[in-house]
Amino acid sequence: MADHESDVVCLAIARRHLLEFHYGGHLRVVAPYCHGVTKRGAEALRAVQLRGTSRSGGFGFGKLWLVREMSKIQMMDEAFLADDPNYNPDDTAMVRIHCRV
């Protein structure tokens, strides 16, 4: 992820604003919770998809999104309430965390 895009992701997390991006041929709108590096060395975003489309139909729970697969990342004006009861701020999938709620 370019530094600018990484800054957008972390700013959205800090402000609790939704993110919009394209991933796997689908437009996604997510509540971002954690951005960092996985155990496999991949830059990733832990987020809950709220709107958009999804091949799997998985909405409403935290998923890992590989940053290299994300495009057209934009912070939206819409805020979200960081209330996912399953969110772990010490995300065990991440070995290094850049930013988190």
C-alpha atoms as a PDB file:
ATOM      1  CA  MET A   1       0.000   0.000   0.000  1.00  0.00           C
ATOM      2  CA  ALA A   2       1.334   3.432  -0.822  1.00  0.00           C
ATOM      3  CA  ASP A   3       2.049   5.659   2.148  1.00  0.00           C
ATOM      4  CA  HIS A   4      -0.857   7.917   1.213  1.00  0.00           C
ATOM      5  CA  GLU A   5      -3.311   4.984   1.182  1.00  0.00           C
ATOM      6  CA  SER A   6      -1.931   3.721   4.488  1.00  0.00           C
ATOM      7  CA  ASP A   7      -2.459   7.201   5.920  1.00  0.00           C
ATOM      8  CA  VAL A   8      -6.069   7.185   4.662  1.00  0.00           C
ATOM      9  CA  VAL A   9      -6.724   3.827   6.344  1.00  0.00           C
ATOM     10  CA  CYS A  10      -5.210   4.923   9.657  1.00  0.00           C
ATOM     11  CA  LEU A  11      -7.023   8.269   9.516  1.00  0.00           C
ATOM     12  CA  ALA A  12     -10.325   6.470   8.934  1.00  0.00           C
ATOM     13  CA  ILE A  13      -9.599   4.216  11.920  1.00  0.00           C
ATOM     14  CA  ALA A  14      -8.656   7.177  14.124  1.00  0.00           C
ATOM     15  CA  ARG A  15     -11.779   9.147  13.106  1.00  0.00           C
ATOM     16  CA  ARG A  16     -14.028   6.039  13.102  1.00  0.00           C
ATOM     17  CA  HIS A  17     -15.099   6.704   9.518  1.00  0.00           C
ATOM     18  CA  LEU A  18     -16.138   4.079   7.001  1.00  0.00           C
ATOM     19  CA  LEU A  19     -13.809   3.049   4.176  1.00  0.00           C
ATOM     20  CA  GLU A  20     -14.830   2.287   0.621  1.00  0.00           C
ATOM     21  CA  PHE A  21     -12.668   0.218  -1.728  1.00  0.00           C
ATOM     22  CA  HIS A  22     -12.744  -2.331  -4.525  1.00  0.00           C
ATOM     23  CA  TYR A  23     -11.699  -5.890  -3.673  1.00  0.00           C
ATOM     24  CA  GLY A  24     -12.088  -9.054  -5.726  1.00  0.00           C
ATOM     25  CA  GLY A  25     -14.216  -7.288  -8.316  1.00  0.00           C
ATOM     26  CA  HIS A  26     -16.654  -5.973  -5.701  1.00  0.00           C
ATOM     27  CA  LEU A  27     -17.238  -2.554  -4.163  1.00  0.00           C
ATOM     28  CA  ARG A  28     -16.990  -2.835  -0.361  1.00  0.00           C
ATOM     29  CA  VAL A  29     -17.967  -0.440   2.423  1.00  0.00           C
ATOM     30  CA  VAL A  30     -16.368  -1.414   5.712  1.00  0.00           C
ATOM     31  CA  ALA A  31     -15.894  -0.278   9.299  1.00  0.00           C
ATOM     32  CA  PRO A  32     -12.088  -0.444   9.717  1.00  0.00           C
ATOM     33  CA  TYR A  33     -10.743  -1.699  13.043  1.00  0.00           C
ATOM     34  CA  CYS A  34      -7.083  -2.658  12.654  1.00  0.00           C
ATOM     35  CA  HIS A  35      -4.339  -2.185  10.050  1.00  0.00           C
ATOM     36  CA  GLY A  36      -1.043  -4.026  10.223  1.00  0.00           C
ATOM     37  CA  VAL A  37       1.094  -6.920   9.033  1.00  0.00           C
ATOM     38  CA  THR A  38       0.039 -10.579   9.275  1.00  0.00           C
ATOM     39  CA  LYS A  39       2.169 -13.513  10.401  1.00  0.00           C
ATOM     40  CA  ARG A  40       2.793 -14.255   6.721  1.00  0.00           C
ATOM     41  CA  GLY A  41       4.170 -10.746   6.164  1.00  0.00           C
ATOM     42  CA  ALA A  42       1.180  -9.405   4.252  1.00  0.00           C
ATOM     43  CA  GLU A  43      -0.194  -5.953   4.951  1.00  0.00           C
ATOM     44  CA  ALA A  44      -3.827  -6.345   5.988  1.00  0.00           C
ATOM     45  CA  LEU A  45      -6.906  -4.566   7.256  1.00  0.00           C
ATOM     46  CA  ARG A  46      -9.289  -6.058   9.839  1.00  0.00           C
ATOM     47  CA  ALA A  47     -12.716  -4.628   9.053  1.00  0.00           C
ATOM     48  CA  VAL A  48     -16.427  -5.388   9.150  1.00  0.00           C
ATOM     49  CA  GLN A  49     -18.178  -5.158   5.786  1.00  0.00           C
ATOM     50  CA  LEU A  50     -21.438  -3.233   6.111  1.00  0.00           C
ATOM     51  CA  ARG A  51     -22.469  -2.541   2.512  1.00  0.00           C
ATOM     52  CA  GLY A  52     -21.516  -3.172  -1.051  1.00  0.00           C
ATOM     53  CA  THR A  53     -21.306  -6.579  -2.640  1.00  0.00           C
ATOM     54  CA  SER A  54     -19.524  -9.769  -1.701  1.00  0.00           C
ATOM     55  CA  ARG A  55     -19.051 -13.096  -3.448  1.00  0.00           C
ATOM     56  CA  SER A  56     -19.401 -14.947  -0.119  1.00  0.00           C
ATOM     57  CA  GLY A  57     -22.195 -12.746   1.233  1.00  0.00           C
ATOM     58  CA  GLY A  58     -20.238 -12.326   4.478  1.00  0.00           C
ATOM     59  CA  PHE A  59     -21.426  -9.187   6.244  1.00  0.00           C
ATOM     60  CA  GLY A  60     -21.422  -8.041   9.868  1.00  0.00           C
ATOM     61  CA  PHE A  61     -18.283  -9.727  11.184  1.00  0.00           C
ATOM     62  CA  GLY A  62     -14.563  -8.944  11.156  1.00  0.00           C
ATOM     63  CA  LYS A  63     -12.600 -10.156   8.154  1.00  0.00           C
ATOM     64  CA  LEU A  64      -9.012  -9.722   7.046  1.00  0.00           C
ATOM     65  CA  TRP A  65      -8.570  -7.878   3.772  1.00  0.00           C
ATOM     66  CA  LEU A  66      -5.199  -8.115   2.003  1.00  0.00           C
ATOM     67  CA  VAL A  67      -4.120  -4.586   1.210  1.00  0.00           C
ATOM     68  CA  ARG A  68      -2.415  -5.605  -2.045  1.00  0.00           C
ATOM     69  CA  GLU A  69      -5.868  -6.661  -3.314  1.00  0.00           C
ATOM     70  CA  MET A  70      -7.550  -3.342  -2.396  1.00  0.00           C
ATOM     71  CA  SER A  71      -7.944  -0.471  -4.874  1.00  0.00           C
ATOM     72  CA  LYS A  72      -9.604   2.954  -4.994  1.00  0.00           C
ATOM     73  CA  ILE A  73      -9.469   3.288  -1.196  1.00  0.00           C
ATOM     74  CA  GLN A  74     -11.444   6.263   0.110  1.00  0.00           C
ATOM     75  CA  MET A  75     -12.443   7.426   3.556  1.00  0.00           C
ATOM     76  CA  MET A  76     -16.152   8.229   3.623  1.00  0.00           C
ATOM     77  CA  ASP A  77     -17.801  11.089   5.494  1.00  0.00           C
ATOM     78  CA  GLU A  78     -19.947   8.590   7.395  1.00  0.00           C
ATOM     79  CA  ALA A  79     -18.808   7.670  10.914  1.00  0.00           C
ATOM     80  CA  PHE A  80     -19.317   4.305  12.599  1.00  0.00           C
ATOM     81  CA  LEU A  81     -19.641   3.158  16.176  1.00  0.00           C
ATOM     82  CA  ALA A  82     -16.771   0.775  17.004  1.00  0.00           C
ATOM     83  CA  ASP A  83     -18.972  -1.733  18.797  1.00  0.00           C
ATOM     84  CA  ASP A  84     -18.008  -5.128  17.328  1.00  0.00           C
ATOM     85  CA  PRO A  85     -18.171  -7.415  20.402  1.00  0.00           C
ATOM     86  CA  ASN A  86     -15.742  -9.880  18.785  1.00  0.00           C
ATOM     87  CA  TYR A  87     -13.016  -7.318  18.007  1.00  0.00           C
ATOM     88  CA  ASN A  88      -9.696  -7.989  19.737  1.00  0.00           C
ATOM     89  CA  PRO A  89      -7.409  -4.912  19.775  1.00  0.00           C
ATOM     90  CA  ASP A  90      -4.467  -7.305  20.138  1.00  0.00           C
ATOM     91  CA  ASP A  91      -5.423  -9.037  16.890  1.00  0.00           C
ATOM     92  CA  THR A  92      -3.681 -12.417  16.921  1.00  0.00           C
ATOM     93  CA  ALA A  93      -3.529 -12.468  13.096  1.00  0.00           C
ATOM     94  CA  MET A  94      -1.193  -9.435  13.195  1.00  0.00           C
ATOM     95  CA  VAL A  95       2.462  -9.464  14.188  1.00  0.00           C
ATOM     96  CA  ARG A  96       2.760  -5.693  13.820  1.00  0.00           C
ATOM     97  CA  ILE A  97      -0.077  -3.196  14.137  1.00  0.00           C
ATOM     98  CA  HIS A  98       0.139   0.203  12.449  1.00  0.00           C
ATOM     99  CA  CYS A  99      -3.145   1.570  13.825  1.00  0.00           C
ATOM    100  CA  ARG A 100      -6.324   0.308  15.507  1.00  0.00           C
ATOM    101  CA  VAL A 101      -9.494   1.453  17.228  1.00  0.00           C
END
